Amino acid sequence: MEGDKSISGESYGGDSTSRAKQLKPTRDRLSDLPDLALTHILSHLFVEEAARTTVLSKRFNSIWNSVSVLNFSDENSGKVGKFFISFVDIALQLHRRREIERFSVKFGYDFMFSSSVDDWVEFAVKKQVKFLCLDLIQRRSSNRLQIPIIEYKLPEILYNYKNLVELVTNACKISTEGLINWGSLKLLSVSKTKMNEELISRVLSGCPVLETLELREWSGFDKLKIESSSLRVLRIVEEQRPNYVVQPEDNCFLEVSGPNLVSLEVSGSLYRTKLRLSDVGCLSNAMMNFEIMPQRRGSTNSRFAVRDQDIVREVLESLCLVKALTIGGCCIKAVSTCEAYNLSSPWSERQSLTLCIHIRKWDHLGIVSLLHSSPCLETLAVRLSYCSDTCALEHSFSNNRDEEYYWKSWSTISKCPLQHLKTVKVIGFHESCTSMKPLFQFLEFLLRNSSALLEIAIQASRYVTQGTVDEALKLLDVPTASPDVVVHYEPSHLWVDPLYVYQKLTLVSCPEEVAC
């Protein structure tokens, strides 16, 4: 009975003394921290959040406006338009620190706010800012019509500011006249800005120590010749979608060259340009995760597809000396179809290969072709993701003859020994067993053909179905070429989707069980 009493309510009752001890207020630990520590903590918050700490105590009145990092966002503050502008203006007037490390602002921009943004940039420059981010969000159309980008023109005071280390802009226009003197700039990220080759060259000449250049939603150039001796990392992400219907005669090559580049990324959609690489012999790391978009209805026929596949194959030839390669679904589709036309993947010296794809049956051809052309491969990662349905590179295999060809090709090329492959990682494992069947077939192939393999690590990102767990566990019984290989899961326990379990339950009408 005593046990029943304690279970039923002792913890909620008890004597008044014990409850008083539990309710006795304890000293606020924040009050024990020095001002320097509190300032550091508030620097990791948006200014709106830091300002709210003034309700905690009067001490925060002199701390929140002395932080070295100023991050403003209309999404976080709940204020938009003129209300957001006023809030930023007041916050900057109250700021008392002599210098700031970072200044970042993100809000829905309009022409009427240009003078306010000018004042913010001038404030940041006078405060000797090192990191400046101007993320000017554009309006979106509900009917998918292209809306002209409202560009903010960077003020003159910024072009001769030598202390800037990182500059990130979105929808900001860079002047084509005058000198650029960013002598300390190491990272430049430009989004939604039209830039021609001459302007890019002028920007690079004004950044003598620039190490990283990011061009996002880019337009205006077809050639990108990087002659800078300091630039090591180049990221070209998402060609800006044209506001007209692209025809075949509008096509052009995006020619990228950089003898000193160490890392190169080309990702996102390519609407009218085709990639071509040259003079990239120093590259050690490359990501090719771009999608060649169809130009009009019906443009995915074999004549267009073969041409695009040749482009992807040419890109892989240019990257044959790269040690670490990340390749996306659209490029893997191209390699698969090339393999079907008896065009094997170009030989390479890569030691690390990352596949960003949701593996399907026909992808095996391209993946194994890449493995066959990578005799030095030691690490393989599979990031499970989907290739866009609008990708111009589609497989044209549909009849029974092609089905037989697939299995014949699979049995032939799957005999390639992987003598140096040691580590395999699967990232983003979360789907049902039916959609994951090609992945399990691929992992089984690796277990049977990798004589030096030490581990296959499967990282689950979500709940999985019981069927997926059962299929995954079957890998433990596959005969392996390596006696030391271990298959393990991260986390070690796979959680079964409770909704899946609920749907599989057979409910029996039983009053006693329901009562329980």
Protein backbone atom coordinates (compact mmCIF):
# COMPACT_ATOMS: atom_id res chain seq x y z
CA MET A 1 0.00 0.00 0.00
CA GLU A 2 2.86 2.34 0.80
CA GLY A 3 4.19 1.76 -2.67
CA ASP A 4 0.79 2.49 -4.17
CA LYS A 5 0.57 5.71 -2.21
CA SER A 6 3.91 6.99 -3.41
CA ILE A 7 3.05 6.18 -7.01
CA SER A 8 -0.38 7.75 -6.89
CA GLY A 9 0.51 11.14 -5.52
CA GLU A 10 3.32 11.54 -3.02
CA SER A 11 5.47 13.51 -5.42
CA TYR A 12 2.67 16.02 -5.95
CA GLY A 13 1.80 16.35 -2.30
CA GLY A 14 4.29 15.95 0.51
CA ASP A 15 4.84 18.33 3.40
CA SER A 16 4.98 22.09 2.99
CA THR A 17 8.64 22.26 4.04
CA SER A 18 9.88 20.16 1.12
CA ARG A 19 7.75 22.12 -1.30
CA ALA A 20 9.12 25.39 0.06
CA LYS A 21 12.66 24.17 -0.52
CA GLN A 22 11.80 23.30 -4.09
CA LEU A 23 10.21 26.70 -4.72
CA LYS A 24 12.95 28.73 -3.03
CA PRO A 25 14.43 31.05 -5.66
CA THR A 26 18.06 30.53 -6.55
CA ARG A 27 20.56 33.19 -7.61
CA ASP A 28 20.54 34.05 -11.30
CA ARG A 29 23.77 32.62 -12.68
CA LEU A 30 23.91 35.27 -15.39
CA SER A 31 24.45 37.86 -12.67
CA ASP A 32 27.70 36.16 -11.70
CA LEU A 33 29.17 36.54 -15.19
CA PRO A 34 31.42 39.50 -16.01
CA ASP A 35 30.31 42.06 -18.58
CA LEU A 36 32.78 40.71 -21.13
CA ALA A 37 31.21 37.24 -20.99
CA LEU A 38 27.66 38.62 -21.24
CA THR A 39 28.67 40.75 -24.21
CA HIS A 40 30.09 37.69 -25.92
CA ILE A 41 26.84 35.77 -25.34
CA LEU A 42 24.65 38.58 -26.68
CA SER A 43 26.88 38.85 -29.76
CA HIS A 44 25.50 35.50 -30.89
CA LEU A 45 21.91 36.81 -30.88
CA PHE A 46 20.03 38.98 -33.31
CA VAL A 47 19.95 42.59 -32.14
CA GLU A 48 16.20 42.29 -31.57
CA GLU A 49 16.77 39.38 -29.18
CA ALA A 50 19.67 41.09 -27.43
CA ALA A 51 17.53 44.20 -26.86
CA ARG A 52 14.86 42.11 -25.12
CA THR A 53 17.34 41.15 -22.39
CA THR A 54 16.86 44.61 -20.87
CA VAL A 55 13.76 43.25 -19.11
CA LEU A 56 15.99 40.92 -17.08
CA SER A 57 17.83 43.67 -15.21
CA LYS A 58 19.09 47.23 -15.59
CA ARG A 59 22.57 45.84 -16.08
CA PHE A 60 21.67 44.70 -19.61
CA ASN A 61 20.82 48.27 -20.62
CA SER A 62 24.52 49.01 -20.93
CA ILE A 63 25.49 45.63 -22.38
CA TRP A 64 23.19 44.84 -25.31
CA ASN A 65 24.21 47.99 -27.19
CA SER A 66 27.92 47.31 -26.71
CA VAL A 67 28.15 44.05 -28.65
CA SER A 68 30.69 43.69 -31.44
CA VAL A 69 28.36 41.71 -33.73
CA LEU A 70 25.21 43.35 -35.11
CA ASN A 71 22.79 40.99 -36.86
CA PHE A 72 19.47 42.43 -38.05
CA SER A 73 16.67 40.45 -39.72
CA ASP A 74 13.08 41.44 -40.42
CA GLU A 75 12.14 37.75 -40.29
CA ASN A 76 13.32 37.54 -36.70
CA SER A 77 12.06 40.91 -35.48
CA GLY A 78 8.53 40.70 -36.83
CA LYS A 79 8.95 44.21 -38.23
CA VAL A 80 8.81 44.88 -41.96
CA GLY A 81 9.24 47.85 -44.25
CA LYS A 82 9.48 51.24 -42.58
CA PHE A 83 9.06 49.73 -39.11
CA PHE A 84 12.16 47.60 -39.60
CA ILE A 85 14.10 50.56 -40.99
CA SER A 86 13.20 52.63 -37.92
CA PHE A 87 14.22 49.85 -35.56
CA VAL A 88 17.67 49.52 -37.17
CA ASP A 89 18.17 53.29 -37.17
CA ILE A 90 17.37 53.52 -33.45
CA ALA A 91 19.55 50.54 -32.57
CA LEU A 92 22.53 52.06 -34.39
CA GLN A 93 22.02 55.40 -32.65
CA LEU A 94 22.12 53.64 -29.27
CA HIS A 95 25.19 51.56 -30.10
CA ARG A 96 28.18 52.68 -28.02
CA ARG A 97 31.04 50.40 -29.00
CA ARG A 98 33.88 52.11 -30.85
CA GLU A 99 34.49 49.20 -33.25
CA ILE A 100 32.38 46.28 -34.48
CA GLU A 101 33.45 42.94 -35.86
CA ARG A 102 30.41 42.05 -37.96
CA PHE A 103 27.43 43.86 -39.42
CA SER A 104 24.68 41.85 -41.10
CA VAL A 105 21.25 42.95 -42.30
CA LYS A 106 18.56 40.88 -44.00
CA PHE A 107 15.24 42.39 -45.03
CA GLY A 108 12.80 42.96 -47.88
CA TYR A 109 14.39 45.73 -49.92
CA ASP A 110 12.79 48.48 -51.99
CA PHE A 111 14.20 51.55 -53.75
CA MET A 112 12.77 53.85 -51.08
CA PHE A 113 15.12 52.32 -48.50
CA SER A 114 18.38 53.00 -50.39
CA SER A 115 19.36 56.08 -48.36
CA SER A 116 18.85 54.18 -45.10
CA VAL A 117 21.06 51.33 -46.29
CA ASP A 118 23.67 53.93 -47.30
CA ASP A 119 23.65 55.22 -43.73
CA TRP A 120 24.03 51.69 -42.34
CA VAL A 121 27.02 50.98 -44.57
CA GLU A 122 28.62 54.29 -43.57
CA PHE A 123 28.02 53.41 -39.90
CA ALA A 124 29.71 50.02 -40.39
CA VAL A 125 32.70 51.55 -42.16
CA LYS A 126 33.19 54.17 -39.44
CA LYS A 127 33.05 51.37 -36.85
CA GLN A 128 35.89 49.55 -38.67
CA VAL A 129 33.73 46.53 -39.52
CA LYS A 130 35.53 43.37 -40.70
CA PHE A 131 32.55 41.34 -41.93
CA LEU A 132 29.72 42.98 -43.88
CA CYS A 133 26.59 41.19 -45.12
CA LEU A 134 23.86 42.96 -47.10
CA ASP A 135 21.16 40.36 -47.78
CA LEU A 136 18.46 42.33 -49.59
CA ILE A 137 15.53 39.99 -50.12
CA GLN A 138 13.54 40.35 -53.32
CA ARG A 139 9.81 40.17 -53.81
CA ARG A 140 8.39 36.92 -55.10
CA SER A 141 5.59 36.46 -57.56
CA SER A 142 2.75 34.11 -56.70
CA ASN A 143 2.13 33.31 -60.37
CA ARG A 144 5.79 32.38 -61.07
CA LEU A 145 6.39 35.40 -63.29
CA GLN A 146 9.90 36.78 -63.34
CA ILE A 147 10.09 40.03 -61.36
CA PRO A 148 13.04 42.33 -62.16
CA ILE A 149 15.59 42.37 -59.36
CA ILE A 150 15.68 45.60 -57.38
CA GLU A 151 19.40 46.19 -57.02
CA TYR A 152 20.91 48.34 -54.33
CA LYS A 153 23.87 50.38 -55.56
CA LEU A 154 26.82 50.01 -53.21
CA PRO A 155 27.91 53.46 -51.91
CA GLU A 156 31.22 55.01 -52.89
CA ILE A 157 32.53 54.94 -49.33
CA LEU A 158 32.72 51.16 -49.46
CA TYR A 159 34.99 50.85 -52.51
CA ASN A 160 37.98 52.43 -50.79
CA TYR A 161 37.52 50.69 -47.44
CA LYS A 162 40.68 48.65 -46.87
CA ASN A 163 39.84 46.89 -43.58
CA LEU A 164 37.04 44.69 -44.92
CA VAL A 165 37.85 40.97 -44.64
CA GLU A 166 34.55 39.39 -45.79
CA LEU A 167 31.82 40.88 -47.97
CA VAL A 168 28.53 39.09 -48.70
CA THR A 169 25.93 40.79 -50.90
CA ASN A 170 22.56 39.85 -52.33
CA ALA A 171 21.01 42.01 -55.06
CA CYS A 172 23.67 44.70 -54.74
CA LYS A 173 25.04 46.45 -57.82
CA ILE A 174 28.80 46.88 -58.09
CA SER A 175 29.91 50.02 -59.89
CA THR A 176 31.61 49.58 -63.25
CA GLU A 177 33.58 52.81 -62.79
CA GLY A 178 36.28 53.92 -60.41
CA LEU A 179 38.80 51.92 -58.42
CA ILE A 180 38.16 49.09 -56.00
CA ASN A 181 40.54 48.97 -53.06
CA TRP A 182 39.67 46.00 -50.88
CA GLY A 183 43.21 45.26 -49.79
CA SER A 184 42.27 42.97 -46.88
CA LEU A 185 39.30 41.17 -48.44
CA LYS A 186 39.61 37.38 -48.26
CA LEU A 187 36.05 36.27 -49.04
CA LEU A 188 33.63 37.80 -51.54
CA SER A 189 30.15 36.34 -52.06
CA VAL A 190 27.92 37.98 -54.68
CA SER A 191 24.32 36.90 -55.35
CA LYS A 192 21.78 38.10 -57.92
CA THR A 193 24.18 40.58 -59.47
CA LYS A 194 24.84 40.84 -63.20
CA MET A 195 28.58 40.94 -63.81
CA ASN A 196 30.50 40.75 -67.08
CA GLU A 197 34.06 39.49 -67.50
CA GLU A 198 35.52 43.01 -67.37
CA LEU A 199 33.83 43.83 -64.06
CA ILE A 200 34.88 40.53 -62.49
CA SER A 201 38.47 41.14 -63.59
CA ARG A 202 38.38 44.66 -62.10
CA VAL A 203 37.02 43.34 -58.80
CA LEU A 204 39.72 40.66 -58.61
CA SER A 205 42.46 43.18 -59.36
CA GLY A 206 41.24 45.26 -56.42
CA CYS A 207 41.38 42.28 -54.05
CA PRO A 208 45.07 41.25 -53.93
CA VAL A 209 44.63 38.75 -51.07
CA LEU A 210 41.21 37.33 -52.01
CA GLU A 211 41.04 33.60 -51.23
CA THR A 212 37.38 32.68 -51.82
CA LEU A 213 34.98 33.91 -54.51
CA GLU A 214 31.30 32.89 -54.56
CA LEU A 215 28.98 33.78 -57.44
CA ARG A 216 25.35 32.82 -56.74
CA GLU A 217 22.41 33.21 -59.11
CA TRP A 218 24.89 34.69 -61.53
CA SER A 219 24.47 36.17 -65.00
CA GLY A 220 26.26 38.40 -67.50
CA PHE A 221 29.40 36.40 -68.25
CA ASP A 222 30.40 33.37 -70.32
CA LYS A 223 34.11 33.21 -69.48
CA LEU A 224 35.64 33.19 -66.04
CA LYS A 225 39.41 33.35 -66.23
CA ILE A 226 40.89 33.46 -62.75
CA GLU A 227 44.44 34.82 -62.94
CA SER A 228 44.63 35.85 -59.28
CA SER A 229 47.56 34.21 -57.52
CA SER A 230 45.80 34.32 -54.14
CA LEU A 231 42.37 32.94 -55.08
CA ARG A 232 42.07 29.32 -54.00
CA VAL A 233 38.32 28.62 -53.78
CA LEU A 234 35.73 29.34 -56.49
CA ARG A 235 32.03 28.56 -56.10
CA ILE A 236 29.61 29.06 -59.00
CA VAL A 237 26.08 28.34 -57.80
CA GLU A 238 22.82 28.51 -59.77
CA GLU A 239 22.69 30.42 -63.03
CA GLN A 240 20.06 33.14 -62.88
CA ARG A 241 16.94 32.04 -64.68
CA PRO A 242 16.43 34.03 -67.93
CA ASN A 243 13.21 36.00 -68.31
CA TYR A 244 12.77 34.60 -71.82
CA VAL A 245 12.35 31.17 -73.38
CA VAL A 246 15.84 29.83 -74.07
CA GLN A 247 16.35 28.46 -77.58
CA PRO A 248 19.20 26.18 -78.74
CA GLU A 249 20.85 29.10 -80.54
CA ASP A 250 21.09 30.91 -77.19
CA ASN A 251 23.41 28.23 -75.80
CA CYS A 252 26.96 29.12 -74.88
CA PHE A 253 29.82 27.63 -72.91
CA LEU A 254 30.76 28.80 -69.45
CA GLU A 255 34.53 28.51 -69.68
CA VAL A 256 36.24 28.38 -66.29
CA SER A 257 40.00 28.45 -65.91
CA GLY A 258 42.23 29.02 -62.91
CA PRO A 259 45.79 27.70 -62.65
CA ASN A 260 45.98 28.44 -58.90
CA LEU A 261 42.54 27.18 -57.86
CA VAL A 262 42.53 24.45 -55.22
CA SER A 263 38.76 24.02 -54.79
CA LEU A 264 36.00 24.45 -57.39
CA GLU A 265 32.23 24.09 -57.05
CA VAL A 266 29.72 24.31 -59.89
CA SER A 267 26.21 23.55 -58.69
CA GLY A 268 22.58 24.43 -59.27
CA SER A 269 20.71 24.88 -62.53
CA LEU A 270 22.34 25.77 -65.85
CA TYR A 271 19.73 27.28 -68.17
CA ARG A 272 21.66 28.40 -71.23
CA THR A 273 25.31 27.69 -70.48
CA LYS A 274 27.32 24.50 -70.75
CA LEU A 275 30.36 24.02 -68.56
CA ARG A 276 33.90 23.76 -69.88
CA LEU A 277 37.02 23.62 -67.70
CA SER A 278 40.62 24.40 -68.65
CA ASP A 279 43.92 25.03 -66.88
CA VAL A 280 42.76 23.70 -63.50
CA GLY A 281 45.72 21.44 -62.85
CA CYS A 282 46.14 22.49 -59.19
CA LEU A 283 42.63 21.49 -58.15
CA SER A 284 42.51 19.03 -55.26
CA ASN A 285 38.80 19.28 -54.47
CA ALA A 286 35.87 19.70 -56.87
CA MET A 287 32.09 19.57 -56.67
CA MET A 288 30.11 19.07 -59.87
CA ASN A 289 26.48 19.12 -58.76
CA PHE A 290 24.87 21.08 -61.58
CA GLU A 291 21.70 20.31 -63.51
CA ILE A 292 21.40 20.96 -67.23
CA MET A 293 17.90 22.32 -67.67
CA PRO A 294 15.77 21.59 -70.75
CA GLN A 295 15.30 24.63 -72.97
CA ARG A 296 11.85 23.88 -74.28
CA ARG A 297 9.31 21.11 -74.33
CA GLY A 298 10.62 18.05 -76.07
CA SER A 299 14.28 19.05 -75.75
CA THR A 300 15.14 15.90 -73.80
CA ASN A 301 15.36 13.74 -76.93
CA SER A 302 18.47 11.70 -77.62
CA ARG A 303 20.12 14.33 -79.84
CA PHE A 304 20.15 16.89 -77.03
CA ALA A 305 20.93 14.32 -74.33
CA VAL A 306 24.00 12.88 -76.05
CA ARG A 307 25.45 16.34 -76.51
CA ASP A 308 25.00 17.17 -72.82
CA GLN A 309 26.47 13.83 -71.78
CA ASP A 310 29.56 14.57 -73.85
CA ILE A 311 29.90 17.84 -71.95
CA VAL A 312 29.79 16.05 -68.59
CA ARG A 313 32.33 13.52 -69.79
CA GLU A 314 34.64 16.32 -70.94
CA VAL A 315 34.35 17.95 -67.50
CA LEU A 316 35.33 14.68 -65.81
CA GLU A 317 38.36 14.42 -68.09
CA SER A 318 39.45 17.89 -66.94
CA LEU A 319 39.18 16.72 -63.31
CA CYS A 320 41.15 13.49 -63.69
CA LEU A 321 43.89 14.67 -61.28
CA VAL A 322 41.51 15.89 -58.55
CA LYS A 323 41.91 13.93 -55.32
CA ALA A 324 38.40 14.56 -53.92
CA LEU A 325 35.35 14.75 -56.20
CA THR A 326 31.70 15.36 -55.33
CA ILE A 327 29.29 14.63 -58.16
CA GLY A 328 25.53 15.18 -58.35
CA GLY A 329 22.63 13.21 -59.74
CA CYS A 330 22.43 14.91 -63.12
CA CYS A 331 26.09 14.20 -63.88
CA ILE A 332 25.74 10.60 -62.71
CA LYS A 333 22.80 10.19 -65.10
CA ALA A 334 25.08 11.40 -67.88
CA VAL A 335 27.79 8.87 -66.97
CA SER A 336 25.16 6.11 -66.85
CA THR A 337 23.95 6.86 -70.34
CA CYS A 338 27.51 7.18 -71.65
CA GLU A 339 28.19 3.72 -70.26
CA ALA A 340 25.15 2.44 -72.15
CA TYR A 341 26.73 3.85 -75.32
CA ASN A 342 30.02 2.08 -74.47
CA LEU A 343 31.69 5.32 -73.34
CA SER A 344 33.36 4.55 -70.04
CA SER A 345 34.09 7.19 -67.42
CA PRO A 346 37.53 8.85 -67.86
CA TRP A 347 40.35 7.43 -65.72
CA SER A 348 41.20 9.47 -62.62
CA GLU A 349 43.51 9.65 -59.60
CA ARG A 350 40.72 10.49 -57.15
CA GLN A 351 41.01 9.07 -53.65
CA SER A 352 37.68 10.36 -52.34
CA LEU A 353 34.33 10.29 -54.13
CA THR A 354 31.01 11.69 -52.87
CA LEU A 355 27.77 10.89 -54.70
CA CYS A 356 24.85 13.28 -54.14
CA ILE A 357 22.00 11.19 -55.45
CA HIS A 358 19.00 9.08 -54.53
CA ILE A 359 20.21 5.83 -56.08
CA ARG A 360 17.91 4.23 -58.63
CA LYS A 361 18.41 1.19 -60.81
CA TRP A 362 19.92 2.88 -63.86
CA ASP A 363 22.28 4.93 -61.70
CA HIS A 364 24.26 1.76 -60.99
CA LEU A 365 25.78 1.97 -64.46
CA GLY A 366 27.21 5.44 -63.88
CA ILE A 367 28.26 4.80 -60.28
CA VAL A 368 30.12 1.59 -61.00
CA SER A 369 31.68 3.22 -64.07
CA LEU A 370 33.02 5.98 -61.80
CA LEU A 371 34.36 3.36 -59.39
CA HIS A 372 35.97 1.42 -62.22
CA SER A 373 37.79 4.60 -63.34
CA SER A 374 39.01 5.31 -59.78
CA PRO A 375 41.66 2.67 -59.02
CA CYS A 376 43.09 4.74 -56.13
CA LEU A 377 39.75 5.31 -54.39
CA GLU A 378 39.89 5.00 -50.59
CA THR A 379 36.76 6.80 -49.37
CA LEU A 380 33.25 6.70 -50.84
CA ALA A 381 30.30 8.72 -49.50
CA VAL A 382 26.70 8.57 -50.68
CA ARG A 383 24.56 11.59 -49.77
CA LEU A 384 21.02 10.51 -50.48
CA SER A 385 19.23 13.28 -52.35
CA TYR A 386 16.91 13.63 -55.30
CA CYS A 387 17.85 14.77 -58.77
CA SER A 388 15.43 17.33 -60.18
CA ASP A 389 12.72 15.97 -62.45
CA THR A 390 13.44 18.85 -64.84
CA CYS A 391 17.01 17.75 -65.50
CA ALA A 392 17.64 17.47 -69.24
CA LEU A 393 19.62 14.26 -68.83
CA GLU A 394 17.11 11.45 -68.63
CA HIS A 395 17.52 7.76 -69.28
CA SER A 396 15.84 6.48 -72.43
CA PHE A 397 15.81 2.80 -71.46
CA SER A 398 12.29 1.43 -71.25
CA ASN A 399 11.77 -1.81 -73.14
CA ASN A 400 12.64 -5.38 -72.16
CA ARG A 401 15.74 -5.44 -74.32
CA ASP A 402 17.14 -2.50 -72.39
CA GLU A 403 16.27 -4.26 -69.15
CA GLU A 404 18.35 -7.25 -70.23
CA TYR A 405 21.17 -4.93 -71.31
CA TYR A 406 21.16 -3.31 -67.89
CA TRP A 407 21.62 -6.57 -66.01
CA LYS A 408 24.24 -7.77 -68.49
CA SER A 409 26.20 -4.53 -68.09
CA TRP A 410 25.78 -4.68 -64.33
CA SER A 411 27.17 -8.20 -64.11
CA THR A 412 30.11 -7.23 -66.34
CA ILE A 413 31.30 -4.00 -64.79
CA SER A 414 30.55 -5.15 -61.24
CA LYS A 415 33.50 -7.53 -61.49
CA CYS A 416 35.94 -4.64 -61.12
CA PRO A 417 38.03 -5.11 -57.94
CA LEU A 418 38.17 -2.19 -55.53
CA GLN A 419 41.59 -2.82 -54.04
CA HIS A 420 42.02 0.39 -52.01
CA LEU A 421 38.48 1.27 -50.91
CA LYS A 422 38.45 1.34 -47.10
CA THR A 423 35.53 3.49 -45.98
CA VAL A 424 31.95 3.84 -47.22
CA LYS A 425 29.47 6.29 -45.70
CA VAL A 426 25.74 6.56 -46.43
CA ILE A 427 24.30 9.89 -45.28
CA GLY A 428 20.60 10.74 -45.07
CA PHE A 429 19.25 7.19 -44.74
CA HIS A 430 15.50 7.57 -44.09
CA GLU A 431 13.36 6.06 -46.85
CA SER A 432 11.18 2.97 -47.13
CA CYS A 433 12.66 -0.39 -48.11
CA THR A 434 11.10 -0.33 -51.61
CA SER A 435 12.74 2.95 -52.63
CA MET A 436 16.03 1.89 -51.01
CA LYS A 437 16.36 -1.44 -52.80
CA PRO A 438 18.88 -0.14 -55.40
CA LEU A 439 20.98 1.26 -52.54
CA PHE A 440 21.04 -2.11 -50.77
CA GLN A 441 22.05 -3.78 -54.05
CA PHE A 442 24.88 -1.29 -54.42
CA LEU A 443 26.12 -1.80 -50.85
CA GLU A 444 26.01 -5.55 -51.37
CA PHE A 445 28.13 -5.08 -54.49
CA LEU A 446 30.69 -3.12 -52.46
CA LEU A 447 30.84 -5.80 -49.77
CA ARG A 448 31.45 -8.51 -52.36
CA ASN A 449 34.08 -6.60 -54.38
CA SER A 450 36.11 -4.47 -51.94
CA SER A 451 39.00 -6.51 -50.60
CA ALA A 452 40.39 -3.71 -48.38
CA LEU A 453 37.06 -2.43 -47.05
CA LEU A 454 37.05 -1.72 -43.30
CA GLU A 455 33.65 -0.16 -42.65
CA ILE A 456 30.28 0.80 -44.07
CA ALA A 457 28.70 3.49 -41.89
CA ILE A 458 25.01 4.21 -42.45
CA GLN A 459 23.84 7.49 -40.92
CA ALA A 460 20.08 7.61 -40.40
CA SER A 461 18.60 11.12 -40.40
CA ARG A 462 14.96 10.27 -39.69
CA TYR A 463 12.64 7.49 -38.67
CA VAL A 464 12.73 4.48 -40.97
CA THR A 465 10.17 1.78 -41.65
CA GLN A 466 10.51 -1.69 -40.20
CA GLY A 467 10.92 -3.05 -43.73
CA THR A 468 13.91 -0.77 -44.28
CA VAL A 469 15.49 -1.98 -41.05
CA ASP A 470 14.98 -5.61 -42.08
CA GLU A 471 16.57 -5.01 -45.48
CA ALA A 472 19.48 -3.12 -43.94
CA LEU A 473 20.17 -5.91 -41.47
CA LYS A 474 20.46 -8.39 -44.35
CA LEU A 475 23.75 -6.71 -45.26
CA LEU A 476 25.25 -8.36 -42.19
CA ASP A 477 24.83 -11.78 -43.84
CA VAL A 478 26.37 -10.88 -47.22
CA PRO A 479 29.63 -12.74 -48.05
CA THR A 480 32.42 -10.14 -48.01
CA ALA A 481 35.68 -9.82 -49.91
CA SER A 482 37.31 -8.24 -46.85
CA PRO A 483 37.57 -10.22 -43.59
CA ASP A 484 37.78 -7.01 -41.53
CA VAL A 485 34.75 -5.11 -42.79
CA VAL A 486 32.16 -3.88 -40.29
CA VAL A 487 28.67 -2.58 -41.11
CA HIS A 488 27.33 -0.22 -38.47
CA TYR A 489 24.63 2.38 -38.10
CA GLU A 490 24.76 5.90 -36.72
CA PRO A 491 22.98 6.20 -34.35
CA SER A 492 23.47 2.61 -33.32
CA HIS A 493 19.70 2.15 -32.84
CA LEU A 494 17.45 2.76 -35.84
CA TRP A 495 14.10 4.20 -34.76
CA VAL A 496 11.09 2.76 -36.53
CA ASP A 497 8.52 5.29 -37.72
CA PRO A 498 5.68 5.17 -35.15
CA LEU A 499 3.11 6.06 -37.83
CA TYR A 500 4.27 3.05 -39.84
CA VAL A 501 3.88 0.80 -36.81
CA TYR A 502 0.44 2.24 -36.06
CA GLN A 503 -0.75 1.59 -39.60
CA LYS A 504 0.41 -2.03 -39.36
CA LEU A 505 -1.39 -2.75 -36.08
CA THR A 506 -4.50 -4.93 -36.19
CA LEU A 507 -6.97 -3.50 -33.72
CA VAL A 508 -9.03 -6.12 -31.87
CA SER A 509 -12.27 -5.11 -30.19
CA CYS A 510 -11.67 -5.92 -26.53
CA PRO A 511 -13.27 -3.78 -23.77
CA GLU A 512 -10.76 -4.98 -21.18
CA GLU A 513 -7.76 -4.05 -23.33
CA VAL A 514 -9.26 -0.70 -24.19
CA ALA A 515 -9.79 0.03 -20.54
CA CYS A 516 -6.18 -0.77 -19.83
